[in-house]
Amino acid sequence: MKDEPEKQARYFELGETYFWLASQNEIIDHELAPRLDQLRRGVDRPLRIFDLGCGPGNMLRRLQGRGLAYGSDFSLDALTFARSKGLRLLLSSDSTALPFASGCFDCVVALDVLEHVEDDRAALREIARVTRPGGAFIFAVPAFPMLWRHHDVMYGHFRRYRRADFVARVRGAGLSVESCRFFKCAFFPPLLVLAKLERMIASLAEPRDNFYTVPSWLNRMLSREIVLEERSGITRWMPFGVSLLCVGRR
C-alpha cells in the first residue's frame, strides 16, 4: 500500500491527465464559466467560491482565477499536498458542520464528495446554509446503484444515486435545481457488465479500483468522447449515465 503522500500525488496526477477525471474537470469548468460571469456582474467584490472536498486541489487550481477560491477536505494529507501546489485558502472540516457564516459563498462546488458522506442530507443543508441567496452550486455524484463495484468500496462510497432521489435530496435541503443530467453515458453499458462480473467473482478476485492504465492515444480519445458527448447536448435527454451533474441556485 502506498503511503499517503504518494497516494495524493497519484490522485492529483489522475485529476490532471487521466481521461475519467480530466474530462470531468473540463466539463465542470465549462459549465461554471457563464454562471460565475453572471454572479460577478451582481457584486462589487471578488467572488467567493467554495470547493467542498477539494482533495489534492485539481479543481481548486482551476477556480483560483475566478475569485477567492476556498478548499476544504477532511483529509489533512490531501490539504498538505494541495498546499504544496501553491494553494493557500485551505482548511479541514466536517462537511456536515462547516465553519463558515451563513450565506458567505457565491458558489459552492462539490465533485464526487456527497457519496462519501454518511449523512449526505446534512451536508446538503450545510451547503445551502453557506451559499448566499441567488448563489450557485454544482455537484457531481456517481449514478445508479446497479453500477456498484469494487471501486466504490475501495474509495469509501456510501451509495450511488438514482436521479429522482438525488434531485429530491437537493431540493429538500432548500436548493433550486436547474438541471440534473447524466454524463459519461457511453460508459454505462461496459461498467454495468463489469459490475455484474465483479459480483459474480467477488470471492475469487482481489478488489481494485477502476483507474486502468491506458495508452496515451486512447486516453486522449476517451477524454474527448466524454467532453464531446456533453458539449453535443446529448446528455440532456439520455436516460442513463455513470455520473450525475446537478446545477442550480439557492
Protein backbone atom coordinates (compact mmCIF):
# COMPACT_ATOMS: atom_id res chain seq x y z
CA MET A 1 0.00 0.00 0.00
CA LYS A 2 1.35 3.40 -0.94
CA ASP A 3 1.79 5.91 1.83
CA GLU A 4 -0.48 8.95 1.88
CA PRO A 5 1.82 11.49 0.14
CA GLU A 6 2.29 9.06 -2.75
CA LYS A 7 -1.45 8.40 -2.93
CA GLN A 8 -2.25 12.11 -3.02
CA ALA A 9 0.35 12.65 -5.76
CA ARG A 10 -1.31 9.84 -7.73
CA TYR A 11 -4.77 11.32 -7.25
CA PHE A 12 -3.55 14.73 -8.38
CA GLU A 13 -1.92 13.28 -11.50
CA LEU A 14 -5.09 11.35 -12.30
CA GLY A 15 -7.10 14.56 -11.96
CA GLU A 16 -4.82 16.36 -14.40
CA THR A 17 -4.31 13.71 -17.07
CA TYR A 18 -6.50 10.61 -16.68
CA PHE A 19 -9.44 10.69 -19.08
CA TRP A 20 -12.09 9.88 -16.48
CA LEU A 21 -11.25 12.79 -14.18
CA ALA A 22 -9.61 15.31 -16.52
CA SER A 23 -12.65 15.30 -18.83
CA GLN A 24 -14.98 15.80 -15.87
CA ASN A 25 -12.96 18.77 -14.66
CA GLU A 26 -13.13 20.28 -18.15
CA ILE A 27 -16.91 19.80 -18.25
CA ILE A 28 -17.34 21.37 -14.80
CA ASP A 29 -15.12 24.30 -15.76
CA HIS A 30 -17.15 24.90 -18.92
CA GLU A 31 -20.46 24.65 -17.03
CA LEU A 32 -19.30 27.03 -14.30
CA ALA A 33 -17.85 29.79 -16.50
CA PRO A 34 -21.10 31.53 -17.57
CA ARG A 35 -22.63 31.11 -14.13
CA LEU A 36 -19.65 32.74 -12.45
CA ASP A 37 -19.68 35.54 -15.04
CA GLN A 38 -23.32 36.20 -14.22
CA LEU A 39 -22.66 36.16 -10.48
CA ARG A 40 -19.71 38.52 -10.93
CA ARG A 41 -21.93 41.14 -12.55
CA GLY A 42 -24.05 41.27 -9.42
CA VAL A 43 -21.31 42.06 -6.88
CA ASP A 44 -18.61 44.71 -6.47
CA ARG A 45 -16.04 42.38 -4.90
CA PRO A 46 -14.22 39.19 -5.88
CA LEU A 47 -16.46 36.14 -5.97
CA ARG A 48 -16.17 33.78 -3.03
CA ILE A 49 -16.14 30.18 -4.26
CA PHE A 50 -16.04 27.09 -2.07
CA ASP A 51 -14.73 23.71 -3.25
CA LEU A 52 -16.06 21.17 -0.76
CA GLY A 53 -13.94 18.02 -0.72
CA CYS A 54 -11.19 19.66 -2.76
CA GLY A 55 -8.81 16.69 -2.39
CA PRO A 56 -5.31 17.43 -3.71
CA GLY A 57 -6.57 20.58 -5.42
CA ASN A 58 -7.21 19.88 -9.12
CA MET A 59 -10.47 21.84 -9.45
CA LEU A 60 -9.41 24.39 -6.85
CA ARG A 61 -6.45 25.36 -9.07
CA ARG A 62 -8.87 25.99 -11.93
CA LEU A 63 -11.03 28.17 -9.68
CA GLN A 64 -8.17 30.36 -8.46
CA GLY A 65 -8.53 32.86 -11.30
CA ARG A 66 -12.29 33.19 -10.84
CA GLY A 67 -12.28 34.80 -7.40
CA LEU A 68 -11.35 33.87 -3.84
CA ALA A 69 -11.44 30.08 -4.02
CA TYR A 70 -11.53 28.22 -0.70
CA GLY A 71 -10.93 24.49 -0.40
CA SER A 72 -11.99 22.13 2.35
CA ASP A 73 -11.24 18.46 2.83
CA PHE A 74 -11.42 16.02 5.70
CA SER A 75 -8.00 14.59 4.74
CA LEU A 76 -5.03 16.51 6.13
CA ASP A 77 -2.78 14.67 3.66
CA ALA A 78 -4.84 15.95 0.74
CA LEU A 79 -4.63 19.50 2.09
CA THR A 80 -0.88 19.21 2.63
CA PHE A 81 -0.45 18.17 -0.99
CA ALA A 82 -2.74 20.97 -2.20
CA ARG A 83 -0.67 23.45 -0.23
CA SER A 84 2.48 22.15 -1.96
CA LYS A 85 0.85 23.19 -5.25
CA GLY A 86 0.60 26.79 -4.06
CA LEU A 87 -2.98 26.72 -2.78
CA ARG A 88 -3.46 28.65 0.45
CA LEU A 89 -7.16 29.12 1.29
CA LEU A 90 -7.48 25.63 2.73
CA LEU A 91 -8.99 24.07 5.82
CA SER A 92 -10.00 20.70 7.20
CA SER A 93 -13.66 20.46 8.10
CA ASP A 94 -16.63 18.18 8.55
CA SER A 95 -18.98 18.63 5.58
CA THR A 96 -21.98 18.36 7.92
CA ALA A 97 -20.77 21.23 10.16
CA LEU A 98 -18.93 23.79 8.03
CA PRO A 99 -17.06 26.54 9.93
CA PHE A 100 -18.42 29.40 7.82
CA ALA A 101 -21.04 32.08 8.30
CA SER A 102 -24.38 31.60 6.60
CA GLY A 103 -24.59 32.97 3.06
CA CYS A 104 -20.89 33.68 2.76
CA PHE A 105 -20.23 31.99 -0.61
CA ASP A 106 -21.36 32.96 -4.09
CA CYS A 107 -20.82 29.45 -5.44
CA VAL A 108 -20.27 26.00 -3.93
CA VAL A 109 -18.67 23.15 -5.85
CA ALA A 110 -18.89 19.53 -4.60
CA LEU A 111 -17.47 16.97 -7.01
CA ASP A 112 -17.57 13.28 -6.13
CA VAL A 113 -17.98 14.19 -2.47
CA LEU A 114 -21.54 13.57 -1.29
CA GLU A 115 -21.33 9.81 -1.85
CA HIS A 116 -18.53 9.76 0.76
CA VAL A 117 -20.71 11.40 3.43
CA GLU A 118 -22.88 9.09 5.52
CA ASP A 119 -25.39 11.85 6.28
CA ASP A 120 -25.47 13.48 2.86
CA ARG A 121 -28.70 15.32 3.64
CA ALA A 122 -26.93 17.16 6.48
CA ALA A 123 -24.09 18.04 4.11
CA LEU A 124 -26.57 19.39 1.56
CA ARG A 125 -28.24 21.51 4.24
CA GLU A 126 -24.84 22.94 5.16
CA ILE A 127 -24.10 23.71 1.52
CA ALA A 128 -27.44 25.52 1.29
CA ARG A 129 -26.69 27.41 4.50
CA VAL A 130 -23.29 28.75 3.40
CA THR A 131 -24.49 29.66 -0.13
CA ARG A 132 -25.88 33.17 -0.41
CA PRO A 133 -29.40 33.69 -1.76
CA GLY A 134 -29.11 33.66 -5.53
CA GLY A 135 -25.75 31.90 -5.32
CA ALA A 136 -24.93 28.90 -7.48
CA PHE A 137 -23.96 25.29 -6.84
CA ILE A 138 -22.65 22.43 -8.95
CA PHE A 139 -22.48 18.80 -7.85
CA ALA A 140 -21.18 15.62 -9.45
CA VAL A 141 -22.08 12.24 -7.95
CA PRO A 142 -21.95 8.60 -9.12
CA ALA A 143 -25.21 7.30 -10.60
CA PHE A 144 -27.16 4.05 -10.47
CA PRO A 145 -26.83 1.60 -7.56
CA MET A 146 -26.65 -1.21 -10.15
CA LEU A 147 -23.17 0.09 -11.10
CA TRP A 148 -21.82 -0.56 -7.57
CA ARG A 149 -18.31 -2.01 -7.94
CA HIS A 150 -15.06 -2.71 -6.09
CA HIS A 151 -14.12 0.87 -6.92
CA ASP A 152 -16.99 2.22 -4.78
CA VAL A 153 -15.96 0.08 -1.83
CA MET A 154 -12.27 0.98 -2.05
CA TYR A 155 -12.98 4.71 -2.13
CA GLY A 156 -15.41 4.71 0.78
CA HIS A 157 -18.68 5.38 -1.01
CA PHE A 158 -21.89 5.02 0.97
CA ARG A 159 -24.12 5.00 -2.11
CA ARG A 160 -24.65 5.62 -5.79
CA TYR A 161 -27.64 7.81 -6.66
CA ARG A 162 -30.82 7.49 -8.67
CA ARG A 163 -31.55 10.80 -10.38
CA ALA A 164 -35.00 11.38 -8.93
CA ASP A 165 -33.80 10.59 -5.42
CA PHE A 166 -30.80 12.90 -5.72
CA VAL A 167 -32.92 15.78 -7.01
CA ALA A 168 -35.31 15.26 -4.09
CA ARG A 169 -32.42 15.37 -1.60
CA VAL A 170 -31.02 18.57 -3.12
CA ARG A 171 -34.41 20.28 -3.15
CA GLY A 172 -35.10 19.04 0.36
CA ALA A 173 -32.06 20.99 1.53
CA GLY A 174 -33.57 24.22 0.22
CA LEU A 175 -31.72 24.42 -3.10
CA SER A 176 -33.32 25.04 -6.50
CA VAL A 177 -32.31 22.54 -9.19
CA GLU A 178 -32.00 23.96 -12.71
CA SER A 179 -30.59 20.84 -14.34
CA CYS A 180 -29.68 17.33 -13.24
CA ARG A 181 -28.43 15.16 -16.08
CA PHE A 182 -26.37 12.05 -16.64
CA PHE A 183 -22.94 12.24 -18.21
CA LYS A 184 -20.27 9.71 -19.21
CA CYS A 185 -23.23 7.97 -20.82
CA ALA A 186 -21.29 5.81 -23.29
CA PHE A 187 -19.54 4.09 -20.38
CA PHE A 188 -22.75 2.89 -18.76
CA PRO A 189 -23.06 -0.44 -20.68
CA PRO A 190 -19.45 -1.63 -20.16
CA LEU A 191 -19.44 -0.62 -16.49
CA LEU A 192 -22.75 -2.40 -15.95
CA VAL A 193 -21.16 -5.56 -17.35
CA LEU A 194 -18.09 -5.01 -15.17
CA ALA A 195 -20.25 -4.55 -12.06
CA LYS A 196 -22.08 -7.80 -12.73
CA LEU A 197 -18.82 -9.68 -13.36
CA GLU A 198 -17.31 -8.33 -10.15
CA ARG A 199 -20.29 -9.56 -8.17
CA MET A 200 -20.04 -12.99 -9.81
CA ILE A 201 -16.34 -13.42 -8.96
CA ALA A 202 -16.28 -11.45 -5.72
CA SER A 203 -14.85 -14.38 -3.76
CA LEU A 204 -12.16 -15.08 -6.35
CA ALA A 205 -10.78 -11.68 -7.38
CA GLU A 206 -8.88 -9.15 -5.30
CA PRO A 207 -10.77 -5.83 -5.09
CA ARG A 208 -9.18 -2.99 -7.05
CA ASP A 209 -10.10 0.44 -8.32
CA ASN A 210 -11.10 1.12 -11.91
CA PHE A 211 -8.30 3.53 -12.80
CA TYR A 212 -6.84 1.34 -15.52
CA THR A 213 -3.60 2.15 -17.34
CA VAL A 214 -4.38 3.03 -20.96
CA PRO A 215 -2.16 4.15 -23.86
CA SER A 216 -1.84 7.93 -24.19
CA TRP A 217 -3.65 7.98 -27.56
CA LEU A 218 -6.59 6.06 -26.10
CA ASN A 219 -6.59 8.27 -23.01
CA ARG A 220 -6.93 11.35 -25.25
CA MET A 221 -9.64 9.74 -27.35
CA LEU A 222 -11.73 8.70 -24.34
CA SER A 223 -11.37 12.13 -22.77
CA ARG A 224 -12.58 13.79 -25.98
CA GLU A 225 -15.53 11.38 -26.17
CA ILE A 226 -16.72 12.31 -22.69
CA VAL A 227 -16.37 16.05 -23.34
CA LEU A 228 -17.95 15.95 -26.83
CA GLU A 229 -20.83 13.83 -25.52
CA GLU A 230 -21.58 16.64 -23.06
CA ARG A 231 -20.97 19.54 -25.50
CA SER A 232 -23.23 17.96 -28.12
CA GLY A 233 -26.21 18.25 -25.77
CA ILE A 234 -26.99 14.54 -25.96
CA THR A 235 -26.65 14.17 -22.19
CA ARG A 236 -29.65 16.44 -21.69
CA TRP A 237 -32.00 13.69 -22.81
CA MET A 238 -30.07 10.48 -22.12
CA PRO A 239 -31.87 8.27 -19.54
CA PHE A 240 -28.65 6.74 -18.19
CA GLY A 241 -25.02 7.51 -17.47
CA VAL A 242 -22.29 6.71 -15.00
CA SER A 243 -22.46 10.05 -13.16
CA LEU A 244 -24.91 12.86 -12.45
CA LEU A 245 -24.20 16.57 -12.96
CA CYS A 246 -26.53 18.77 -10.91
CA VAL A 247 -26.55 22.57 -11.11
CA GLY A 248 -28.77 25.25 -9.67
CA ARG A 249 -29.18 28.10 -7.23
CA ARG A 250 -30.13 28.81 -3.69
